[in-house]
Amino acid sequence: MTSTQIQPTPADAWARLAAGNKRFTAGTPDHPNQGADRREYLQDQQHPFAMLFGCSDSRVAAELIFDVGLGDMFVVRTAGQVADTGVMGTLEYGVDILDIPLLVVLGHDECGAVTAARDTILSGTSPGGFMSDLVARILPNVLTAQKDGVDPADINSMVAVHTKHTAELLPERSLSLRAAVDAGRLAIAGVTYSLRDGEAHVVTTIGNL
């Protein structure tokens, strides 16, 4: 590991994000760590206290909704928070090199990628191009949601199931993430974000959080 700064515990890291989200939803953000002095401090180092793997949706700007600033959060985003090998390697870098104690997997209301996967099941027709690969990775979680009794019209509940299972799959796929969770130096939180009120809700936790 190359990080030399003492990191917070996973629980303290989540408490900081939760407090920031509360400020954001109240309309009273602090906008911390966004000045010239912060840029200068970070030019030769970074010690993010949290890592976020979320959807690419333009309405879900990670640093804004958790009211953090430059160097605070290591962010990875793909449509529907789909984890390919590049994503997995990036998450492992965040944990093993940057020593980040908290990984947040963030889904959100009305997710277009989850909707596309649901529509593929209903219509039997997959979208073209590489979007079909994206949808294929989400389909198992949408099918699980349906098996659990989620109404196909209830996209937000499907997003919650997809987010939960994505969070749980990460340490199953990565020996590195699993070892960090088992050692107590990493916790993973599956979280959903409400577009209407801006609130972040935990749907699953892995590790000591």
C-alpha atoms as a PDB file:
ATOM      1  CA  MET A   1       0.000   0.000   0.000  1.00  0.00           C
ATOM      2  CA  THR A   2       1.261   3.469  -0.820  1.00  0.00           C
ATOM      3  CA  SER A   3      -1.060   5.558   1.361  1.00  0.00           C
ATOM      4  CA  THR A   4       0.768   7.091   4.336  1.00  0.00           C
ATOM      5  CA  GLN A   5      -2.171   8.925   5.869  1.00  0.00           C
ATOM      6  CA  ILE A   6      -4.129   7.297   8.689  1.00  0.00           C
ATOM      7  CA  GLN A   7      -7.541   6.536   7.251  1.00  0.00           C
ATOM      8  CA  PRO A   8     -10.829   6.615   9.167  1.00  0.00           C
ATOM      9  CA  THR A   9     -12.642   3.431  10.057  1.00  0.00           C
ATOM     10  CA  PRO A  10     -15.257   2.273   7.558  1.00  0.00           C
ATOM     11  CA  ALA A  11     -17.994   3.374   9.978  1.00  0.00           C
ATOM     12  CA  ASP A  12     -16.459   6.842  10.401  1.00  0.00           C
ATOM     13  CA  ALA A  13     -16.104   7.185   6.634  1.00  0.00           C
ATOM     14  CA  TRP A  14     -19.787   6.354   6.135  1.00  0.00           C
ATOM     15  CA  ALA A  15     -20.789   8.753   8.925  1.00  0.00           C
ATOM     16  CA  ARG A  16     -18.974  11.513   7.061  1.00  0.00           C
ATOM     17  CA  LEU A  17     -20.763  10.715   3.803  1.00  0.00           C
ATOM     18  CA  ALA A  18     -24.131  10.442   5.558  1.00  0.00           C
ATOM     19  CA  ALA A  19     -23.627  13.835   7.185  1.00  0.00           C
ATOM     20  CA  GLY A  20     -22.734  15.327   3.815  1.00  0.00           C
ATOM     21  CA  ASN A  21     -25.825  13.833   2.193  1.00  0.00           C
ATOM     22  CA  LYS A  22     -27.948  15.287   4.984  1.00  0.00           C
ATOM     23  CA  ARG A  23     -26.528  18.748   4.280  1.00  0.00           C
ATOM     24  CA  PHE A  24     -27.131  18.266   0.563  1.00  0.00           C
ATOM     25  CA  THR A  25     -30.769  17.262   0.990  1.00  0.00           C
ATOM     26  CA  ALA A  26     -31.348  20.181   3.359  1.00  0.00           C
ATOM     27  CA  GLY A  27     -29.938  22.598   0.805  1.00  0.00           C
ATOM     28  CA  THR A  28     -27.118  23.685   3.128  1.00  0.00           C
ATOM     29  CA  PRO A  29     -23.943  22.113   1.653  1.00  0.00           C
ATOM     30  CA  ASP A  30     -20.521  23.125   2.972  1.00  0.00           C
ATOM     31  CA  HIS A  31     -18.732  22.595  -0.376  1.00  0.00           C
ATOM     32  CA  PRO A  32     -15.581  21.490   1.497  1.00  0.00           C
ATOM     33  CA  ASN A  33     -12.095  21.074   0.035  1.00  0.00           C
ATOM     34  CA  GLN A  34     -12.750  22.948  -3.191  1.00  0.00           C
ATOM     35  CA  GLY A  35     -10.367  25.903  -2.948  1.00  0.00           C
ATOM     36  CA  ALA A  36      -6.951  26.695  -4.374  1.00  0.00           C
ATOM     37  CA  ASP A  37      -5.202  25.555  -1.197  1.00  0.00           C
ATOM     38  CA  ARG A  38      -6.790  22.123  -1.544  1.00  0.00           C
ATOM     39  CA  ARG A  39      -5.660  21.857  -5.176  1.00  0.00           C
ATOM     40  CA  GLU A  40      -2.115  22.721  -4.137  1.00  0.00           C
ATOM     41  CA  TYR A  41      -2.157  20.190  -1.315  1.00  0.00           C
ATOM     42  CA  LEU A  42      -3.274  17.415  -3.648  1.00  0.00           C
ATOM     43  CA  GLN A  43      -0.879  17.990  -6.531  1.00  0.00           C
ATOM     44  CA  ASP A  44       1.556  15.300  -5.318  1.00  0.00           C
ATOM     45  CA  GLN A  45      -0.707  13.029  -3.265  1.00  0.00           C
ATOM     46  CA  GLN A  46      -4.201  11.704  -2.704  1.00  0.00           C
ATOM     47  CA  HIS A  47      -5.808  10.061   0.303  1.00  0.00           C
ATOM     48  CA  PRO A  48      -9.525   9.629  -0.471  1.00  0.00           C
ATOM     49  CA  PHE A  49     -11.490   8.357   2.510  1.00  0.00           C
ATOM     50  CA  ALA A  50     -14.227   6.728   0.418  1.00  0.00           C
ATOM     51  CA  MET A  51     -14.647   5.056  -2.947  1.00  0.00           C
ATOM     52  CA  LEU A  52     -17.889   5.182  -4.914  1.00  0.00           C
ATOM     53  CA  PHE A  53     -18.919   2.822  -7.688  1.00  0.00           C
ATOM     54  CA  GLY A  54     -22.077   4.219  -9.206  1.00  0.00           C
ATOM     55  CA  CYS A  55     -24.137   4.843 -12.292  1.00  0.00           C
ATOM     56  CA  SER A  56     -23.039   7.337 -14.939  1.00  0.00           C
ATOM     57  CA  ASP A  57     -26.377   9.181 -14.822  1.00  0.00           C
ATOM     58  CA  SER A  58     -25.803  12.938 -15.046  1.00  0.00           C
ATOM     59  CA  ARG A  59     -28.281  13.552 -12.231  1.00  0.00           C
ATOM     60  CA  VAL A  60     -26.212  11.624  -9.704  1.00  0.00           C
ATOM     61  CA  ALA A  61     -22.993  13.598  -9.197  1.00  0.00           C
ATOM     62  CA  ALA A  62     -21.185  11.718  -6.447  1.00  0.00           C
ATOM     63  CA  GLU A  63     -19.225  14.529  -4.803  1.00  0.00           C
ATOM     64  CA  LEU A  64     -22.245  16.835  -4.832  1.00  0.00           C
ATOM     65  CA  ILE A  65     -24.783  14.498  -3.261  1.00  0.00           C
ATOM     66  CA  PHE A  66     -22.377  13.631  -0.431  1.00  0.00           C
ATOM     67  CA  ASP A  67     -21.030  17.198  -0.116  1.00  0.00           C
ATOM     68  CA  VAL A  68     -17.343  16.325  -0.350  1.00  0.00           C
ATOM     69  CA  GLY A  69     -14.525  17.935  -2.301  1.00  0.00           C
ATOM     70  CA  LEU A  70     -11.308  17.384  -4.201  1.00  0.00           C
ATOM     71  CA  GLY A  71      -9.386  14.324  -3.106  1.00  0.00           C
ATOM     72  CA  ASP A  72     -12.125  13.054  -0.775  1.00  0.00           C
ATOM     73  CA  MET A  73     -13.714  10.391  -2.967  1.00  0.00           C
ATOM     74  CA  PHE A  74     -12.344   7.929  -5.525  1.00  0.00           C
ATOM     75  CA  VAL A  75     -15.141   7.587  -8.104  1.00  0.00           C
ATOM     76  CA  VAL A  76     -15.850   4.878 -10.676  1.00  0.00           C
ATOM     77  CA  ARG A  77     -19.002   5.163 -12.794  1.00  0.00           C
ATOM     78  CA  THR A  78     -20.608   3.032 -15.494  1.00  0.00           C
ATOM     79  CA  ALA A  79     -24.190   2.896 -16.725  1.00  0.00           C
ATOM     80  CA  GLY A  80     -26.155   0.762 -14.279  1.00  0.00           C
ATOM     81  CA  GLN A  81     -23.024   0.361 -12.129  1.00  0.00           C
ATOM     82  CA  VAL A  82     -21.950  -2.635 -14.197  1.00  0.00           C
ATOM     83  CA  ALA A  83     -18.636  -4.098 -13.010  1.00  0.00           C
ATOM     84  CA  ASP A  84     -16.387  -5.261 -15.847  1.00  0.00           C
ATOM     85  CA  THR A  85     -12.730  -6.226 -15.430  1.00  0.00           C
ATOM     86  CA  GLY A  86     -11.579  -2.622 -15.741  1.00  0.00           C
ATOM     87  CA  VAL A  87     -13.903  -1.609 -12.933  1.00  0.00           C
ATOM     88  CA  MET A  88     -12.756  -4.489 -10.747  1.00  0.00           C
ATOM     89  CA  GLY A  89      -9.108  -3.541 -11.230  1.00  0.00           C
ATOM     90  CA  THR A  90      -9.886   0.067 -10.381  1.00  0.00           C
ATOM     91  CA  LEU A  91     -11.698  -0.924  -7.191  1.00  0.00           C
ATOM     92  CA  GLU A  92      -8.785  -3.133  -6.175  1.00  0.00           C
ATOM     93  CA  TYR A  93      -6.428  -0.194  -6.782  1.00  0.00           C
ATOM     94  CA  GLY A  94      -8.532   1.951  -4.491  1.00  0.00           C
ATOM     95  CA  VAL A  95      -8.397  -0.605  -1.706  1.00  0.00           C
ATOM     96  CA  ASP A  96      -4.894  -2.046  -2.024  1.00  0.00           C
ATOM     97  CA  ILE A  97      -2.942   1.022  -3.159  1.00  0.00           C
ATOM     98  CA  LEU A  98      -4.925   3.946  -1.756  1.00  0.00           C
ATOM     99  CA  ASP A  99      -6.055   2.068   1.381  1.00  0.00           C
ATOM    100  CA  ILE A 100      -9.637   3.331   1.108  1.00  0.00           C
ATOM    101  CA  PRO A 101     -11.764   1.944   3.959  1.00  0.00           C
ATOM    102  CA  LEU A 102     -15.244   2.337   2.448  1.00  0.00           C
ATOM    103  CA  LEU A 103     -16.725   1.293  -0.895  1.00  0.00           C
ATOM    104  CA  VAL A 104     -20.186   2.617  -1.711  1.00  0.00           C
ATOM    105  CA  VAL A 105     -22.107   0.950  -4.532  1.00  0.00           C
ATOM    106  CA  LEU A 106     -24.675   3.541  -5.589  1.00  0.00           C
ATOM    107  CA  GLY A 107     -27.841   2.891  -7.584  1.00  0.00           C
ATOM    108  CA  HIS A 108     -30.550   5.460  -8.220  1.00  0.00           C
ATOM    109  CA  ASP A 109     -34.244   5.869  -8.998  1.00  0.00           C
ATOM    110  CA  GLU A 110     -35.462   5.460 -12.574  1.00  0.00           C
ATOM    111  CA  CYS A 111     -32.178   3.946 -13.774  1.00  0.00           C
ATOM    112  CA  GLY A 112     -32.200   3.721 -17.568  1.00  0.00           C
ATOM    113  CA  ALA A 113     -29.891   0.708 -17.675  1.00  0.00           C
ATOM    114  CA  VAL A 114     -32.046  -1.303 -15.268  1.00  0.00           C
ATOM    115  CA  THR A 115     -35.120  -0.221 -17.228  1.00  0.00           C
ATOM    116  CA  ALA A 116     -33.482  -1.467 -20.445  1.00  0.00           C
ATOM    117  CA  ALA A 117     -32.827  -4.839 -18.820  1.00  0.00           C
ATOM    118  CA  ARG A 118     -36.429  -5.043 -17.636  1.00  0.00           C
ATOM    119  CA  ASP A 119     -37.672  -4.120 -21.117  1.00  0.00           C
ATOM    120  CA  THR A 120     -35.459  -6.804 -22.666  1.00  0.00           C
ATOM    121  CA  ILE A 121     -37.177  -9.415 -20.507  1.00  0.00           C
ATOM    122  CA  LEU A 122     -40.649  -8.118 -21.357  1.00  0.00           C
ATOM    123  CA  SER A 123     -40.046  -7.748 -25.096  1.00  0.00           C
ATOM    124  CA  GLY A 124     -37.514 -10.500 -25.710  1.00  0.00           C
ATOM    125  CA  THR A 125     -35.450  -8.005 -27.708  1.00  0.00           C
ATOM    126  CA  SER A 126     -32.052  -6.747 -26.584  1.00  0.00           C
ATOM    127  CA  PRO A 127     -30.645  -3.335 -27.566  1.00  0.00           C
ATOM    128  CA  GLY A 128     -27.934  -3.285 -30.208  1.00  0.00           C
ATOM    129  CA  GLY A 129     -24.210  -2.697 -30.030  1.00  0.00           C
ATOM    130  CA  PHE A 130     -22.287  -2.831 -26.795  1.00  0.00           C
ATOM    131  CA  MET A 131     -25.425  -1.827 -24.912  1.00  0.00           C
ATOM    132  CA  SER A 132     -26.470  -5.461 -25.200  1.00  0.00           C
ATOM    133  CA  ASP A 133     -23.416  -6.441 -23.147  1.00  0.00           C
ATOM    134  CA  LEU A 134     -24.377  -3.888 -20.521  1.00  0.00           C
ATOM    135  CA  VAL A 135     -27.933  -5.164 -20.319  1.00  0.00           C
ATOM    136  CA  ALA A 136     -26.763  -8.782 -20.170  1.00  0.00           C
ATOM    137  CA  ARG A 137     -24.821  -8.042 -16.980  1.00  0.00           C
ATOM    138  CA  ILE A 138     -27.888  -6.514 -15.313  1.00  0.00           C
ATOM    139  CA  LEU A 139     -30.412  -9.158 -16.419  1.00  0.00           C
ATOM    140  CA  PRO A 140     -29.641 -11.704 -13.639  1.00  0.00           C
ATOM    141  CA  ASN A 141     -30.452  -9.156 -10.934  1.00  0.00           C
ATOM    142  CA  VAL A 142     -33.656  -8.060 -12.663  1.00  0.00           C
ATOM    143  CA  LEU A 143     -34.696 -11.707 -12.944  1.00  0.00           C
ATOM    144  CA  THR A 144     -33.912 -12.161  -9.239  1.00  0.00           C
ATOM    145  CA  ALA A 145     -36.105  -9.178  -8.419  1.00  0.00           C
ATOM    146  CA  GLN A 146     -38.967 -10.664 -10.414  1.00  0.00           C
ATOM    147  CA  LYS A 147     -38.472 -14.037  -8.727  1.00  0.00           C
ATOM    148  CA  ASP A 148     -38.690 -12.260  -5.370  1.00  0.00           C
ATOM    149  CA  GLY A 149     -42.048 -10.809  -6.366  1.00  0.00           C
ATOM    150  CA  VAL A 150     -41.059  -7.321  -7.485  1.00  0.00           C
ATOM    151  CA  ASP A 151     -43.605  -5.875  -9.928  1.00  0.00           C
ATOM    152  CA  PRO A 152     -41.925  -5.278 -13.326  1.00  0.00           C
ATOM    153  CA  ALA A 153     -43.394  -1.760 -13.264  1.00  0.00           C
ATOM    154  CA  ASP A 154     -41.546  -1.006 -10.028  1.00  0.00           C
ATOM    155  CA  ILE A 155     -38.164   0.025 -11.460  1.00  0.00           C
ATOM    156  CA  ASN A 156     -36.951   1.572  -8.206  1.00  0.00           C
ATOM    157  CA  SER A 157     -37.374  -1.698  -6.302  1.00  0.00           C
ATOM    158  CA  MET A 158     -35.515  -3.457  -9.104  1.00  0.00           C
ATOM    159  CA  VAL A 159     -32.727  -0.893  -8.748  1.00  0.00           C
ATOM    160  CA  ALA A 160     -32.524  -1.694  -5.031  1.00  0.00           C
ATOM    161  CA  VAL A 161     -32.193  -5.420  -5.765  1.00  0.00           C
ATOM    162  CA  HIS A 162     -29.609  -4.767  -8.470  1.00  0.00           C
ATOM    163  CA  THR A 163     -27.608  -2.517  -6.150  1.00  0.00           C
ATOM    164  CA  LYS A 164     -27.710  -5.026  -3.308  1.00  0.00           C
ATOM    165  CA  HIS A 165     -26.582  -7.950  -5.443  1.00  0.00           C
ATOM    166  CA  THR A 166     -23.886  -5.887  -7.174  1.00  0.00           C
ATOM    167  CA  ALA A 167     -22.426  -4.915  -3.798  1.00  0.00           C
ATOM    168  CA  GLU A 168     -22.474  -8.515  -2.622  1.00  0.00           C
ATOM    169  CA  LEU A 169     -20.906  -9.797  -5.842  1.00  0.00           C
ATOM    170  CA  LEU A 170     -17.812  -7.569  -5.679  1.00  0.00           C
ATOM    171  CA  PRO A 171     -16.019  -9.404  -2.829  1.00  0.00           C
ATOM    172  CA  GLU A 172     -17.100 -12.713  -4.355  1.00  0.00           C
ATOM    173  CA  ARG A 173     -15.333 -11.836  -7.609  1.00  0.00           C
ATOM    174  CA  SER A 174     -12.267 -10.207  -6.067  1.00  0.00           C
ATOM    175  CA  LEU A 175      -9.993 -12.031  -3.642  1.00  0.00           C
ATOM    176  CA  SER A 176      -8.415  -8.663  -2.853  1.00  0.00           C
ATOM    177  CA  LEU A 177     -11.687  -7.045  -1.799  1.00  0.00           C
ATOM    178  CA  ARG A 178     -12.685 -10.152   0.139  1.00  0.00           C
ATOM    179  CA  ALA A 179      -9.409 -10.138   2.057  1.00  0.00           C
ATOM    180  CA  ALA A 180      -9.803  -6.455   2.910  1.00  0.00           C
ATOM    181  CA  VAL A 181     -13.348  -7.021   4.201  1.00  0.00           C
ATOM    182  CA  ASP A 182     -12.257 -10.056   6.234  1.00  0.00           C
ATOM    183  CA  ALA A 183      -9.376  -8.073   7.731  1.00  0.00           C
ATOM    184  CA  GLY A 184     -11.763  -5.300   8.796  1.00  0.00           C
ATOM    185  CA  ARG A 185     -10.038  -2.601   6.747  1.00  0.00           C
ATOM    186  CA  LEU A 186     -12.859  -2.333   4.193  1.00  0.00           C
ATOM    187  CA  ALA A 187     -16.631  -2.223   4.369  1.00  0.00           C
ATOM    188  CA  ILE A 188     -19.000  -2.151   1.419  1.00  0.00           C
ATOM    189  CA  ALA A 189     -22.356  -0.369   1.435  1.00  0.00           C
ATOM    190  CA  GLY A 190     -25.044  -0.805  -1.188  1.00  0.00           C
ATOM    191  CA  VAL A 191     -26.914   2.487  -1.372  1.00  0.00           C
ATOM    192  CA  THR A 192     -29.804   3.829  -3.452  1.00  0.00           C
ATOM    193  CA  TYR A 193     -30.280   7.499  -4.284  1.00  0.00           C
ATOM    194  CA  SER A 194     -33.621   9.265  -4.606  1.00  0.00           C
ATOM    195  CA  LEU A 195     -33.754  11.718  -7.490  1.00  0.00           C
ATOM    196  CA  ARG A 196     -36.756  13.425  -5.939  1.00  0.00           C
ATOM    197  CA  ASP A 197     -35.392  14.346  -2.510  1.00  0.00           C
ATOM    198  CA  GLY A 198     -31.659  13.619  -2.845  1.00  0.00           C
ATOM    199  CA  GLU A 199     -31.549  11.133   0.010  1.00  0.00           C
ATOM    200  CA  ALA A 200     -29.165   8.170   0.066  1.00  0.00           C
ATOM    201  CA  HIS A 201     -30.537   4.976   1.601  1.00  0.00           C
ATOM    202  CA  VAL A 202     -28.476   1.938   2.619  1.00  0.00           C
ATOM    203  CA  VAL A 203     -29.915  -1.331   1.256  1.00  0.00           C
ATOM    204  CA  THR A 204     -27.086  -3.689   2.288  1.00  0.00           C
ATOM    205  CA  THR A 205     -23.777  -3.688   4.133  1.00  0.00           C
ATOM    206  CA  ILE A 206     -20.799  -6.020   3.958  1.00  0.00           C
ATOM    207  CA  GLY A 207     -18.156  -5.864   6.681  1.00  0.00           C
ATOM    208  CA  ASN A 208     -18.064  -3.728   9.803  1.00  0.00           C
ATOM    209  CA  LEU A 209     -20.052  -0.613   9.065  1.00  0.00           C
END
